[in-house]
Amino acid sequence: MPSAAIELTIALCQEDMGRGIVFHKWIPTGPMRVWIESDRFQVQLIIDETCVNYGSAGKREVSSMSNVDVNKVIAVSEGHIPDERVEAVARYCAANPNYDEIAAEKQFGDSLIDYYRFGRDAYIANLRAVNRLIGYVRAKKCQYWLDDCPIQEDNCYSEFLRHSARISFDGVHWSRLCAPRVIRVIGSVVSDACCVKAEDWLSLSEQMLSTAKAPLVGQLLAASNRLRRDGHRRASLVEAVTALEVAIGEFSRRAKEGLPRQCRDLGQFPRLDVHIERIGITCTLNYLLPLILQDGVVSKAALDSCKNAYDRRNTVVHKGARDVDDESLKAYIQAIRELCLGLDVL
């Protein structure tokens, strides 16, 4: 089965003072092999003198530099090409980087699509390998300024150009790796619930004239959504459940002054705040809130999702769960927001 190597030169994401991975009077010699979840590719990472940011002082011996700033990594993935037809497409595209896509599609048919998929999968493998390196350095050496490199698999044409993607069939001769010239424009619509309405403006104006800070619960939920957007799902879940705990705490403190308007008038709960403090968050979500809240304040589905979010957060924090799937996280945040609105803490 034919094989090929795909090389990307990946600039490390930099948030703090333009730094990449910082070494001390040394950089690695020779490639580093990296395990990734793929049975199709083997990936190695290369750091050489071309990856070093020498700054305004110019190139000099690495051994004389206390901080060796490596701001890019060369990632090379090697894998088998699906069949000889796909190899023919790869060689054709490498030899003709400005090829006519319509003519190529007529000539190669589905093999052209298989070639695109091969390049896309190699791109993903390379980025995942670099992100594994970043993750270890960030965790082991506390280089907190390092961010994972975003994987934009739906925008391979621009990504291949940005990372100077190359392909080789013999490991010696390299050609530009091409991708289909597709431009995707992604838009989003803000929901009505998130828009500032005319009736919101008066209370907002009053708050702006006071010394009060923005509601903490709202700030936590906004931070949770931002973290989810940026791919930090575990941190997003922790922030969202923290908002849930703060909301229940505020609701409990308000109950000291009298029965909140959302609650049924149940004689056995003269001191609602004491009950919440004694039974804790889990029992409050499982038993107390469903019992005392009036119908229509919060849906049963939202309460169930809040319970699941709380349990999932505990699994992440106390048992070291690595990730949270995005769809579940989105549902958790929406449910917590619904409960916070129902409890009048937003």
Protein backbone atom coordinates (compact mmCIF):
# COMPACT_ATOMS: atom_id res chain seq x y z
CA MET A 1 0.00 0.00 0.00
CA PRO A 2 1.47 3.42 -0.97
CA SER A 3 2.37 5.85 1.79
CA ALA A 4 3.14 9.54 2.15
CA ALA A 5 4.39 12.02 4.73
CA ILE A 6 2.63 15.31 5.41
CA GLU A 7 4.52 18.13 7.12
CA LEU A 8 3.06 21.19 8.85
CA THR A 9 5.04 24.03 10.41
CA ILE A 10 2.79 24.98 13.31
CA ALA A 11 3.13 28.35 15.05
CA LEU A 12 2.48 27.94 18.75
CA CYS A 13 -0.47 29.91 20.08
CA GLN A 14 0.86 32.78 22.12
CA GLU A 15 -1.07 34.89 24.62
CA ASP A 16 1.63 36.25 26.90
CA MET A 17 4.50 38.40 25.60
CA GLY A 18 4.69 36.44 22.36
CA ARG A 19 6.26 33.38 23.97
CA GLY A 20 6.16 29.82 22.74
CA ILE A 21 7.67 26.88 24.62
CA VAL A 22 10.68 28.11 26.60
CA PHE A 23 13.76 25.87 26.91
CA HIS A 24 16.92 26.53 28.94
CA LYS A 25 20.24 26.63 27.02
CA TRP A 26 19.07 23.67 24.95
CA ILE A 27 16.62 22.45 22.35
CA PRO A 28 15.81 18.82 21.50
CA THR A 29 17.93 16.99 18.96
CA GLY A 30 16.20 14.53 16.69
CA PRO A 31 12.47 13.94 16.20
CA MET A 32 10.06 13.08 19.02
CA ARG A 33 7.49 10.40 18.27
CA VAL A 34 4.04 11.17 19.69
CA TRP A 35 1.22 8.73 20.35
CA ILE A 36 -2.19 9.88 19.13
CA GLU A 37 -5.53 8.12 18.83
CA SER A 38 -5.10 7.08 15.21
CA ASP A 39 -4.45 3.76 13.55
CA ARG A 40 -3.74 5.55 10.28
CA PHE A 41 -0.85 7.90 11.05
CA GLN A 42 2.39 7.99 12.99
CA VAL A 43 3.42 11.48 14.01
CA GLN A 44 6.79 12.90 14.96
CA LEU A 45 7.59 16.42 16.13
CA ILE A 46 10.78 18.24 15.18
CA ILE A 47 12.28 21.27 16.91
CA ASP A 48 15.40 22.70 15.31
CA GLU A 49 17.14 26.05 15.06
CA THR A 50 14.60 27.30 12.52
CA CYS A 51 11.95 27.07 15.26
CA VAL A 52 13.81 29.37 17.67
CA ASN A 53 12.84 33.02 18.09
CA TYR A 54 16.22 34.75 18.46
CA GLY A 55 14.70 38.22 18.83
CA SER A 56 16.47 41.45 17.96
CA ALA A 57 19.87 40.11 19.10
CA GLY A 58 20.02 37.84 16.07
CA LYS A 59 20.98 34.20 15.72
CA ARG A 60 23.47 32.86 18.26
CA GLU A 61 24.40 29.66 20.07
CA VAL A 62 21.42 28.16 21.86
CA SER A 63 23.70 27.08 24.72
CA SER A 64 24.32 30.76 25.52
CA MET A 65 20.60 31.59 25.88
CA SER A 66 18.97 31.24 29.31
CA ASN A 67 15.49 31.44 27.71
CA VAL A 68 15.26 29.69 24.38
CA ASP A 69 11.90 30.69 22.92
CA VAL A 70 10.63 28.02 20.52
CA ASN A 71 7.65 29.59 18.77
CA LYS A 72 6.92 26.90 16.20
CA VAL A 73 7.08 23.13 15.84
CA ILE A 74 7.43 21.01 12.71
CA ALA A 75 4.96 18.11 12.73
CA VAL A 76 5.30 15.24 10.27
CA SER A 77 2.68 12.52 9.96
CA GLU A 78 3.28 9.36 7.96
CA GLY A 79 0.41 7.23 6.78
CA HIS A 80 -0.79 4.85 4.12
CA ILE A 81 -2.67 6.30 1.18
CA PRO A 82 -5.98 4.42 0.70
CA ASP A 83 -5.17 3.11 -2.81
CA GLU A 84 -3.19 3.77 -5.95
CA ARG A 85 -5.90 5.99 -7.42
CA VAL A 86 -5.64 8.34 -4.45
CA GLU A 87 -1.84 8.28 -4.80
CA ALA A 88 -2.29 9.35 -8.42
CA VAL A 89 -4.46 12.26 -7.29
CA ALA A 90 -1.91 13.26 -4.63
CA ARG A 91 0.94 13.23 -7.15
CA TYR A 92 -1.15 15.15 -9.69
CA CYS A 93 -2.09 17.86 -7.15
CA ALA A 94 1.50 18.10 -5.89
CA ALA A 95 2.77 18.62 -9.42
CA ASN A 96 -0.03 21.07 -10.30
CA PRO A 97 -0.76 23.26 -7.24
CA ASN A 98 -3.03 25.55 -9.30
CA TYR A 99 -4.96 22.68 -10.86
CA ASP A 100 -8.48 23.07 -12.24
CA GLU A 101 -10.75 21.47 -9.64
CA ILE A 102 -13.61 20.83 -12.05
CA ALA A 103 -11.31 19.08 -14.51
CA ALA A 104 -9.65 17.12 -11.70
CA GLU A 105 -13.04 16.00 -10.39
CA LYS A 106 -14.01 14.74 -13.82
CA GLN A 107 -10.70 12.91 -14.15
CA PHE A 108 -10.47 11.34 -10.69
CA GLY A 109 -14.06 11.26 -9.37
CA ASP A 110 -14.43 10.01 -5.78
CA SER A 111 -10.68 9.50 -5.48
CA LEU A 112 -10.31 13.28 -5.30
CA ILE A 113 -12.57 13.33 -2.22
CA ASP A 114 -10.58 10.47 -0.65
CA TYR A 115 -7.41 12.49 -1.21
CA TYR A 116 -8.92 15.52 0.54
CA ARG A 117 -9.91 13.32 3.47
CA PHE A 118 -6.40 11.90 3.69
CA GLY A 119 -4.92 15.41 3.90
CA ARG A 120 -7.54 16.53 6.42
CA ASP A 121 -6.95 13.52 8.67
CA ALA A 122 -3.18 14.05 8.55
CA TYR A 123 -3.69 17.73 9.45
CA ILE A 124 -5.82 16.74 12.47
CA ALA A 125 -3.23 14.15 13.57
CA ASN A 126 -0.42 16.72 13.40
CA LEU A 127 -2.34 19.37 15.37
CA ARG A 128 -3.35 16.85 18.03
CA ALA A 129 0.27 15.81 18.46
CA VAL A 130 1.40 19.42 18.93
CA ASN A 131 -1.43 20.04 21.39
CA ARG A 132 -0.33 17.00 23.41
CA LEU A 133 3.14 18.51 23.68
CA ILE A 134 1.69 21.88 24.69
CA GLY A 135 -0.52 20.21 27.30
CA TYR A 136 2.37 18.40 28.94
CA VAL A 137 4.66 21.45 29.02
CA ARG A 138 1.85 23.62 30.36
CA ALA A 139 1.03 21.10 33.11
CA LYS A 140 4.54 19.90 34.04
CA LYS A 141 6.47 23.18 33.76
CA CYS A 142 3.62 25.65 34.41
CA GLN A 143 4.11 27.52 31.13
CA TYR A 144 0.57 28.85 31.51
CA TRP A 145 0.76 31.21 28.52
CA LEU A 146 0.59 28.31 26.07
CA ASP A 147 -2.78 27.72 24.40
CA ASP A 148 -3.84 24.72 22.35
CA CYS A 149 -3.66 25.30 18.62
CA PRO A 150 -7.22 25.42 17.19
CA ILE A 151 -8.14 22.59 14.81
CA GLN A 152 -10.18 23.97 11.92
CA GLU A 153 -10.82 20.86 9.88
CA ASP A 154 -13.55 22.57 7.83
CA ASN A 155 -11.12 25.19 6.59
CA CYS A 156 -8.25 23.07 5.33
CA TYR A 157 -7.46 25.29 2.35
CA SER A 158 -6.52 28.25 4.58
CA GLU A 159 -5.00 26.00 7.23
CA PHE A 160 -2.66 24.30 4.76
CA LEU A 161 -1.46 27.70 3.59
CA ARG A 162 -1.06 28.99 7.17
CA HIS A 163 0.99 25.98 8.25
CA SER A 164 3.00 25.70 4.99
CA ALA A 165 1.72 22.15 4.44
CA ARG A 166 3.91 19.88 2.31
CA ILE A 167 3.65 16.29 1.10
CA SER A 168 6.39 13.81 0.24
CA PHE A 169 6.24 10.30 -1.19
CA ASP A 170 9.88 9.43 -0.51
CA GLY A 171 10.83 11.60 2.49
CA VAL A 172 13.26 13.61 0.35
CA HIS A 173 11.32 15.53 -2.28
CA TRP A 174 8.55 17.75 -0.94
CA SER A 175 5.67 19.48 -2.71
CA ARG A 176 2.95 21.84 -1.57
CA LEU A 177 -0.09 20.06 -0.14
CA CYS A 178 -3.29 21.36 -1.71
CA ALA A 179 -6.84 21.37 -0.44
CA PRO A 180 -10.13 22.24 -2.17
CA ARG A 181 -10.70 25.97 -2.54
CA VAL A 182 -13.78 26.21 -0.37
CA ILE A 183 -14.68 29.32 1.60
CA ARG A 184 -17.13 28.91 4.48
CA VAL A 185 -18.85 31.85 6.12
CA ILE A 186 -20.32 31.02 9.52
CA GLY A 187 -22.84 33.36 11.11
CA SER A 188 -24.78 33.28 14.35
CA VAL A 189 -28.00 34.81 15.63
CA VAL A 190 -28.34 36.01 19.24
CA SER A 191 -31.45 34.60 20.90
CA ASP A 192 -34.18 36.96 22.12
CA ALA A 193 -33.46 35.98 25.73
CA CYS A 194 -29.90 37.32 25.42
CA CYS A 195 -30.89 40.65 23.83
CA VAL A 196 -31.19 43.85 25.87
CA LYS A 197 -34.86 44.83 25.66
CA ALA A 198 -36.54 48.15 26.38
CA GLU A 199 -37.91 46.86 29.70
CA ASP A 200 -34.36 45.87 30.77
CA TRP A 201 -32.95 49.33 30.31
CA LEU A 202 -34.57 50.97 33.36
CA SER A 203 -33.23 48.40 35.85
CA LEU A 204 -29.86 48.47 34.09
CA SER A 205 -29.75 52.26 34.38
CA GLU A 206 -30.53 52.04 38.09
CA GLN A 207 -27.75 49.53 38.63
CA MET A 208 -25.29 51.71 36.76
CA LEU A 209 -26.06 54.60 39.14
CA SER A 210 -25.54 52.41 42.21
CA THR A 211 -22.33 50.98 43.69
CA ALA A 212 -23.56 47.43 43.11
CA LYS A 213 -21.49 45.11 40.95
CA ALA A 214 -22.91 43.01 38.14
CA PRO A 215 -24.68 39.87 39.45
CA LEU A 216 -22.10 37.23 40.35
CA VAL A 217 -24.26 34.38 39.07
CA GLY A 218 -24.55 36.06 35.68
CA GLN A 219 -20.80 36.69 35.53
CA LEU A 220 -20.09 33.03 36.28
CA LEU A 221 -22.52 31.83 33.60
CA ALA A 222 -21.03 34.25 31.05
CA ALA A 223 -17.55 32.97 31.90
CA SER A 224 -18.82 29.40 31.54
CA ASN A 225 -20.14 30.10 28.05
CA ARG A 226 -16.89 31.80 27.05
CA LEU A 227 -14.84 28.84 28.28
CA ARG A 228 -17.10 26.44 26.36
CA ARG A 229 -16.68 28.52 23.20
CA ASP A 230 -12.91 28.38 23.57
CA GLY A 231 -12.93 24.60 24.03
CA HIS A 232 -12.22 24.52 27.79
CA ARG A 233 -15.17 22.27 28.60
CA ARG A 234 -14.07 21.00 32.02
CA ALA A 235 -13.45 24.53 33.29
CA SER A 236 -16.74 25.63 31.74
CA LEU A 237 -18.65 22.95 33.66
CA VAL A 238 -16.95 23.87 36.94
CA GLU A 239 -17.83 27.56 36.43
CA ALA A 240 -21.46 26.74 35.55
CA VAL A 241 -21.98 24.54 38.62
CA THR A 242 -20.32 27.21 40.77
CA ALA A 243 -23.01 29.58 39.46
CA LEU A 244 -25.62 27.00 40.47
CA GLU A 245 -24.22 26.76 44.01
CA VAL A 246 -24.04 30.55 44.38
CA ALA A 247 -27.63 30.85 43.11
CA ILE A 248 -28.94 28.34 45.65
CA GLY A 249 -26.95 30.13 48.38
CA GLU A 250 -28.47 33.51 47.46
CA PHE A 251 -31.94 31.96 47.33
CA SER A 252 -31.37 30.45 50.77
CA ARG A 253 -30.25 33.77 52.29
CA ARG A 254 -33.28 35.52 50.84
CA ALA A 255 -35.48 32.86 52.47
CA LYS A 256 -34.37 34.11 55.93
CA GLU A 257 -36.47 37.22 55.34
CA GLY A 258 -39.59 35.24 54.45
CA LEU A 259 -40.92 32.69 52.00
CA PRO A 260 -39.77 33.58 48.46
CA ARG A 261 -42.58 34.27 46.00
CA GLN A 262 -41.65 31.21 43.89
CA CYS A 263 -42.40 28.79 46.73
CA ARG A 264 -45.55 27.03 47.81
CA ASP A 265 -46.76 27.97 51.28
CA LEU A 266 -45.84 24.76 53.07
CA GLY A 267 -46.09 24.97 56.82
CA GLN A 268 -43.38 22.38 57.45
CA PHE A 269 -40.72 24.75 56.08
CA PRO A 270 -40.81 27.78 58.40
CA ARG A 271 -37.02 28.18 58.04
CA LEU A 272 -36.26 27.24 54.47
CA ASP A 273 -32.68 28.50 54.70
CA VAL A 274 -31.94 26.11 57.57
CA HIS A 275 -33.24 23.12 55.59
CA ILE A 276 -31.07 24.02 52.58
CA GLU A 277 -27.99 24.41 54.77
CA ARG A 278 -28.56 21.08 56.52
CA ILE A 279 -29.35 18.83 53.55
CA GLY A 280 -26.83 20.29 51.09
CA ILE A 281 -26.91 20.93 47.34
CA THR A 282 -27.60 17.34 46.20
CA CYS A 283 -30.71 16.86 48.34
CA THR A 284 -31.86 20.41 47.61
CA LEU A 285 -31.82 19.65 43.87
CA ASN A 286 -33.22 16.14 44.20
CA TYR A 287 -35.97 16.68 46.75
CA LEU A 288 -36.41 20.15 48.21
CA LEU A 289 -36.72 22.36 45.12
CA PRO A 290 -39.13 20.02 43.27
CA LEU A 291 -41.29 20.01 46.42
CA ILE A 292 -41.38 23.70 47.26
CA LEU A 293 -41.25 25.49 43.88
CA GLN A 294 -44.57 26.40 42.33
CA ASP A 295 -45.54 24.81 39.03
CA GLY A 296 -44.04 26.53 36.02
CA VAL A 297 -41.15 28.21 37.84
CA VAL A 298 -38.58 25.69 36.56
CA SER A 299 -39.23 22.72 34.28
CA LYS A 300 -38.61 19.19 35.52
CA ALA A 301 -36.20 18.67 32.60
CA ALA A 302 -34.12 21.66 33.75
CA LEU A 303 -33.99 20.40 37.34
CA ASP A 304 -32.93 16.94 36.15
CA SER A 305 -30.22 18.49 33.96
CA CYS A 306 -28.98 20.58 36.92
CA LYS A 307 -28.68 17.40 39.02
CA ASN A 308 -26.70 15.74 36.21
CA ALA A 309 -24.46 18.79 35.88
CA TYR A 310 -23.72 18.76 39.61
CA ASP A 311 -22.88 15.04 39.55
CA ARG A 312 -20.75 15.48 36.42
CA ARG A 313 -18.85 18.36 38.02
CA ASN A 314 -18.06 16.17 41.03
CA THR A 315 -16.78 13.47 38.71
CA VAL A 316 -14.53 16.00 36.97
CA VAL A 317 -13.23 17.60 40.18
CA HIS A 318 -12.95 14.60 42.49
CA LYS A 319 -12.36 11.68 40.12
CA GLY A 320 -10.32 13.40 37.43
CA ALA A 321 -12.68 12.94 34.47
CA ARG A 322 -10.87 14.37 31.45
CA ASP A 323 -13.61 15.81 29.29
CA VAL A 324 -17.29 16.68 28.93
CA ASP A 325 -19.03 16.30 25.59
CA ASP A 326 -20.11 19.63 24.15
CA GLU A 327 -23.80 18.82 23.68
CA SER A 328 -24.22 17.77 27.31
CA LEU A 329 -22.31 20.85 28.50
CA LYS A 330 -24.52 23.16 26.44
CA ALA A 331 -27.64 21.54 27.96
CA TYR A 332 -26.21 21.87 31.48
CA ILE A 333 -25.51 25.59 31.08
CA GLN A 334 -28.98 26.26 29.65
CA ALA A 335 -30.65 24.34 32.49
CA ILE A 336 -28.63 26.13 35.17
CA ARG A 337 -29.52 29.48 33.62
CA GLU A 338 -33.22 28.52 33.63
CA LEU A 339 -33.02 27.57 37.31
CA CYS A 340 -31.16 30.77 38.20
CA LEU A 341 -33.83 32.83 36.41
CA GLY A 342 -36.54 30.89 38.23
CA LEU A 343 -34.90 31.56 41.60
CA ASP A 344 -34.66 35.28 40.78
CA VAL A 345 -30.89 35.50 41.17
CA LEU A 346 -30.19 36.80 37.67
